C-alpha atoms as a PDB file:
ATOM      1  CA  MET A   1      32.154   7.034  21.004  1.00  0.00           C
ATOM      2  CA  SER A   2      31.992   9.290  17.964  1.00  0.00           C
ATOM      3  CA  TRP A   3      33.695   6.581  15.879  1.00  0.00           C
ATOM      4  CA  PHE A   4      30.788   4.243  16.649  1.00  0.00           C
ATOM      5  CA  HIS A   5      28.104   6.666  15.499  1.00  0.00           C
ATOM      6  CA  SER A   6      29.916   7.699  12.346  1.00  0.00           C
ATOM      7  CA  SER A   7      30.486   4.109  11.230  1.00  0.00           C
ATOM      8  CA  THR A   8      26.865   3.210  11.959  1.00  0.00           C
ATOM      9  CA  THR A   9      25.667   6.143   9.885  1.00  0.00           C
ATOM     10  CA  ALA A  10      27.811   5.082   6.939  1.00  0.00           C
ATOM     11  CA  VAL A  11      26.471   1.529   7.053  1.00  0.00           C
ATOM     12  CA  ASP A  12      22.889   2.751   7.379  1.00  0.00           C
ATOM     13  CA  ALA A  13      23.289   5.159   4.460  1.00  0.00           C
ATOM     14  CA  ARG A  14      24.412   2.307   2.205  1.00  0.00           C
ATOM     15  CA  ASN A  15      21.361   0.246   3.145  1.00  0.00           C
ATOM     16  CA  HIS A  16      18.873   3.063   2.596  1.00  0.00           C
ATOM     17  CA  ALA A  17      17.422   3.792  -0.815  1.00  0.00           C
ATOM     18  CA  SER A  18      18.630   6.880  -2.604  1.00  0.00           C
ATOM     19  CA  ALA A  19      16.242   9.410  -4.110  1.00  0.00           C
ATOM     20  CA  ALA A  20      16.989   7.948  -7.545  1.00  0.00           C
ATOM     21  CA  GLU A  21      16.153   4.435  -6.327  1.00  0.00           C
ATOM     22  CA  ILE A  22      12.905   5.670  -4.788  1.00  0.00           C
ATOM     23  CA  VAL A  23      11.852   7.404  -8.004  1.00  0.00           C
ATOM     24  CA  ALA A  24      12.846   4.326 -10.021  1.00  0.00           C
ATOM     25  CA  CYS A  25      10.766   2.069  -7.778  1.00  0.00           C
ATOM     26  CA  PHE A  26       7.671   4.222  -8.139  1.00  0.00           C
ATOM     27  CA  ARG A  27       8.274   4.465 -11.893  1.00  0.00           C
ATOM     28  CA  ASP A  28       8.915   0.741 -12.372  1.00  0.00           C
ATOM     29  CA  GLU A  29       6.004  -0.320 -10.172  1.00  0.00           C
ATOM     30  CA  THR A  30       3.541   2.308 -11.411  1.00  0.00           C
ATOM     31  CA  LYS A  31       1.100  -0.273 -12.732  1.00  0.00           C
ATOM     32  CA  LEU A  32       0.953  -2.157  -9.423  1.00  0.00           C
ATOM     33  CA  LEU A  33       0.797   0.975  -7.275  1.00  0.00           C
ATOM     34  CA  ASN A  34      -1.870   2.601  -9.440  1.00  0.00           C
ATOM     35  CA  ARG A  35      -3.915  -0.594  -9.343  1.00  0.00           C
ATOM     36  CA  LEU A  36      -3.768  -0.802  -5.544  1.00  0.00           C
ATOM     37  CA  ALA A  37      -4.722   2.856  -5.222  1.00  0.00           C
ATOM     38  CA  PHE A  38      -7.494   2.487  -7.814  1.00  0.00           C
ATOM     39  CA  LEU A  39      -9.023  -0.447  -5.947  1.00  0.00           C
ATOM     40  CA  ILE A  40      -9.314   1.799  -2.902  1.00  0.00           C
ATOM     41  CA  THR A  41     -10.281   5.104  -4.527  1.00  0.00           C
ATOM     42  CA  ALA A  42     -12.363   3.756  -7.447  1.00  0.00           C
ATOM     43  CA  ASP A  43     -11.131   6.770  -9.397  1.00  0.00           C
ATOM     44  CA  ARG A  44      -8.155   6.705 -11.758  1.00  0.00           C
ATOM     45  CA  ALA A  45      -7.265  10.374 -11.252  1.00  0.00           C
ATOM     46  CA  ASN A  46      -7.301  10.027  -7.456  1.00  0.00           C
ATOM     47  CA  ALA A  47      -5.299   6.819  -7.735  1.00  0.00           C
ATOM     48  CA  LYS A  48      -2.595   8.600  -9.734  1.00  0.00           C
ATOM     49  CA  LYS A  49      -2.607  11.447  -7.212  1.00  0.00           C
ATOM     50  CA  ALA A  50      -2.208   8.943  -4.383  1.00  0.00           C
ATOM     51  CA  VAL A  51       0.810   7.334  -6.067  1.00  0.00           C
ATOM     52  CA  ALA A  52       2.394  10.732  -6.733  1.00  0.00           C
ATOM     53  CA  GLN A  53       1.718  11.791  -3.144  1.00  0.00           C
ATOM     54  CA  ALA A  54       3.241   8.542  -1.861  1.00  0.00           C
ATOM     55  CA  CYS A  55       6.377   9.098  -3.916  1.00  0.00           C
ATOM     56  CA  GLU A  56       6.726  12.673  -2.661  1.00  0.00           C
ATOM     57  CA  THR A  57       6.148  11.586   0.931  1.00  0.00           C
ATOM     58  CA  THR A  58       8.800   8.904   0.583  1.00  0.00           C
ATOM     59  CA  LEU A  59      11.282  11.331  -0.955  1.00  0.00           C
ATOM     60  CA  GLN A  60      10.697  13.896   1.794  1.00  0.00           C
ATOM     61  CA  GLY A  61      10.687  11.464   4.715  1.00  0.00           C
ATOM     62  CA  ASN A  62      13.183   9.017   6.080  1.00  0.00           C
ATOM     63  CA  SER A  63      14.572   6.924   3.272  1.00  0.00           C
ATOM     64  CA  PRO A  64      13.443   3.292   3.456  1.00  0.00           C
ATOM     65  CA  PHE A  65      15.838   0.364   3.324  1.00  0.00           C
ATOM     66  CA  CYS A  66      16.615  -0.777  -0.216  1.00  0.00           C
ATOM     67  CA  ASP A  67      15.367  -4.284   0.538  1.00  0.00           C
ATOM     68  CA  TRP A  68      12.022  -2.920   1.692  1.00  0.00           C
ATOM     69  CA  LEU A  69      11.556  -0.256  -0.965  1.00  0.00           C
ATOM     70  CA  LEU A  70       8.677  -1.897  -2.840  1.00  0.00           C
ATOM     71  CA  GLU A  71       6.846  -2.740   0.391  1.00  0.00           C
ATOM     72  CA  TRP A  72       7.390   0.834   1.546  1.00  0.00           C
ATOM     73  CA  ALA A  73       6.046   2.156  -1.770  1.00  0.00           C
ATOM     74  CA  LYS A  74       2.947  -0.026  -1.428  1.00  0.00           C
ATOM     75  CA  VAL A  75       2.320   1.113   2.147  1.00  0.00           C
ATOM     76  CA  ALA A  76       2.826   4.777   1.254  1.00  0.00           C
ATOM     77  CA  THR A  77       0.514   4.433  -1.747  1.00  0.00           C
ATOM     78  CA  ILE A  78      -2.182   2.622   0.221  1.00  0.00           C
ATOM     79  CA  THR A  79      -1.948   5.220   2.991  1.00  0.00           C
ATOM     80  CA  ALA A  80      -2.352   8.052   0.494  1.00  0.00           C
ATOM     81  CA  ALA A  81      -5.274   6.296  -1.216  1.00  0.00           C
ATOM     82  CA  LEU A  82      -6.967   5.702   2.128  1.00  0.00           C
ATOM     83  CA  SER A  83      -6.605   9.377   2.983  1.00  0.00           C
ATOM     84  CA  HIS A  84      -8.317  10.239  -0.322  1.00  0.00           C
ATOM     85  CA  GLN A  85     -11.205   7.897   0.577  1.00  0.00           C
ATOM     86  CA  ASP A  86     -11.475   8.429   4.316  1.00  0.00           C
ATOM     87  CA  LYS A  87     -14.960   9.972   4.223  1.00  0.00           C
ATOM     88  CA  ALA A  88     -16.397   7.234   2.011  1.00  0.00           C
ATOM     89  CA  ILE A  89     -14.800   4.528   4.146  1.00  0.00           C
ATOM     90  CA  ARG A  90     -16.151   6.067   7.351  1.00  0.00           C
ATOM     91  CA  MET A  91     -19.665   6.131   5.905  1.00  0.00           C
ATOM     92  CA  TYR A  92     -19.617   2.338   5.668  1.00  0.00           C
ATOM     93  CA  GLU A  93     -17.966   1.747   9.025  1.00  0.00           C
ATOM     94  CA  ALA A  94     -21.237   1.882  10.953  1.00  0.00           C
ATOM     95  CA  MET A  95     -22.770  -0.795   8.723  1.00  0.00           C
ATOM     96  CA  TYR A  96     -20.180  -3.305   9.898  1.00  0.00           C
ATOM     97  CA  LYS A  97     -20.006  -2.297  13.545  1.00  0.00           C
ATOM     98  CA  ASP A  98     -21.727  -5.352  15.027  1.00  0.00           C
ATOM     99  CA  ARG A  99     -21.117  -7.829  12.226  1.00  0.00           C
ATOM    100  CA  ARG A 100     -19.023 -10.906  12.822  1.00  0.00           C
ATOM    101  CA  CYS A 101     -17.582 -13.308  10.284  1.00  0.00           C
ATOM    102  CA  SER A 102     -17.865 -17.039  10.832  1.00  0.00           C
ATOM    103  CA  HIS A 103     -14.894 -17.800   8.577  1.00  0.00           C
ATOM    104  CA  GLY A 104     -11.865 -18.510  10.755  1.00  0.00           C
ATOM    105  CA  GLU A 105      -9.421 -17.871   7.926  1.00  0.00           C
ATOM    106  CA  HIS A 106     -10.469 -14.219   7.856  1.00  0.00           C
ATOM    107  CA  VAL A 107      -9.165 -13.729  11.364  1.00  0.00           C
ATOM    108  CA  CYS A 108      -5.648 -15.010  10.749  1.00  0.00           C
ATOM    109  CA  GLN A 109      -2.863 -13.259   8.895  1.00  0.00           C
ATOM    110  CA  LEU A 110      -1.788 -14.655   5.551  1.00  0.00           C
ATOM    111  CA  ASP A 111       1.750 -15.937   5.175  1.00  0.00           C
ATOM    112  CA  ASP A 112       3.912 -14.344   2.469  1.00  0.00           C
ATOM    113  CA  GLU A 113       3.178 -17.024  -0.120  1.00  0.00           C
ATOM    114  CA  ARG A 114      -0.601 -16.944   0.337  1.00  0.00           C
ATOM    115  CA  ARG A 115      -0.547 -13.157   0.400  1.00  0.00           C
ATOM    116  CA  ALA A 116       1.410 -13.034  -2.869  1.00  0.00           C
ATOM    117  CA  ASP A 117      -0.973 -15.535  -4.468  1.00  0.00           C
ATOM    118  CA  SER A 118      -3.985 -13.537  -3.300  1.00  0.00           C
ATOM    119  CA  LEU A 119      -2.484 -10.303  -4.591  1.00  0.00           C
ATOM    120  CA  ALA A 120      -1.765 -11.873  -7.977  1.00  0.00           C
ATOM    121  CA  LEU A 121      -5.339 -13.160  -8.164  1.00  0.00           C
ATOM    122  CA  ILE A 122      -6.836  -9.772  -7.314  1.00  0.00           C
ATOM    123  CA  LEU A 123      -4.567  -7.993  -9.796  1.00  0.00           C
ATOM    124  CA  GLU A 124      -5.751 -10.351 -12.548  1.00  0.00           C
ATOM    125  CA  MET A 125      -9.410  -9.657 -11.792  1.00  0.00           C
ATOM    126  CA  ASP A 126     -11.430  -6.899 -13.407  1.00  0.00           C
ATOM    127  CA  ALA A 127     -10.987  -3.895 -11.116  1.00  0.00           C
ATOM    128  CA  GLN A 128     -14.323  -2.423 -12.183  1.00  0.00           C
ATOM    129  CA  ARG A 129     -16.084  -5.578 -11.034  1.00  0.00           C
ATOM    130  CA  ILE A 130     -14.358  -5.475  -7.649  1.00  0.00           C
ATOM    131  CA  ILE A 131     -15.308  -1.815  -7.294  1.00  0.00           C
ATOM    132  CA  ALA A 132     -18.913  -2.535  -8.280  1.00  0.00           C
ATOM    133  CA  GLU A 133     -19.292  -5.439  -5.864  1.00  0.00           C
ATOM    134  CA  LEU A 134     -17.438  -4.136  -2.810  1.00  0.00           C
ATOM    135  CA  ASP A 135     -18.028  -0.947  -0.880  1.00  0.00           C
ATOM    136  CA  PRO A 136     -15.096   1.383  -0.078  1.00  0.00           C
ATOM    137  CA  LEU A 137     -14.480  -0.140   3.357  1.00  0.00           C
ATOM    138  CA  CYS A 138     -14.375  -3.700   2.005  1.00  0.00           C
ATOM    139  CA  ARG A 139     -12.044  -2.673  -0.812  1.00  0.00           C
ATOM    140  CA  ALA A 140      -9.731  -0.951   1.651  1.00  0.00           C
ATOM    141  CA  ILE A 141      -9.614  -4.039   3.855  1.00  0.00           C
ATOM    142  CA  LEU A 142      -9.028  -6.274   0.844  1.00  0.00           C
ATOM    143  CA  VAL A 143      -6.050  -4.212  -0.296  1.00  0.00           C
ATOM    144  CA  LEU A 144      -4.657  -3.910   3.228  1.00  0.00           C
ATOM    145  CA  ARG A 145      -4.819  -7.689   3.740  1.00  0.00           C
ATOM    146  CA  ILE A 146      -3.201  -8.738   0.479  1.00  0.00           C
ATOM    147  CA  ALA A 147      -0.802  -5.953  -0.474  1.00  0.00           C
END
């Protein structure tokens, strides 16, 4: 069965992003990734650190599939940004413990088209206004739902 494993590995390697492709993705999508991280951290320096950390984590971990590279970069960036804000987010968690939302659309998942439209809308908005009007937990949820 060694022929089976070796051929599978070769196919998988072709489908996975190379280190150069990973770096290029983070470089080419810097504006988007920094914006997502900034919406969560509310601090440009921490946002840049989160993006850099996400790139390093991606380079050191299992290489994502080429087709999923941007989604992977967004998830890694959001994860890093959340880790930078975990204390602030946890402070607000108790405020929402027993709250319920009457809007049914908040319960369902967005389809790809609605998610892309929502992301585009948020990216066009003034980030400072979003940061001023939403607490860290709400901003984190917003980014997680639309990114």
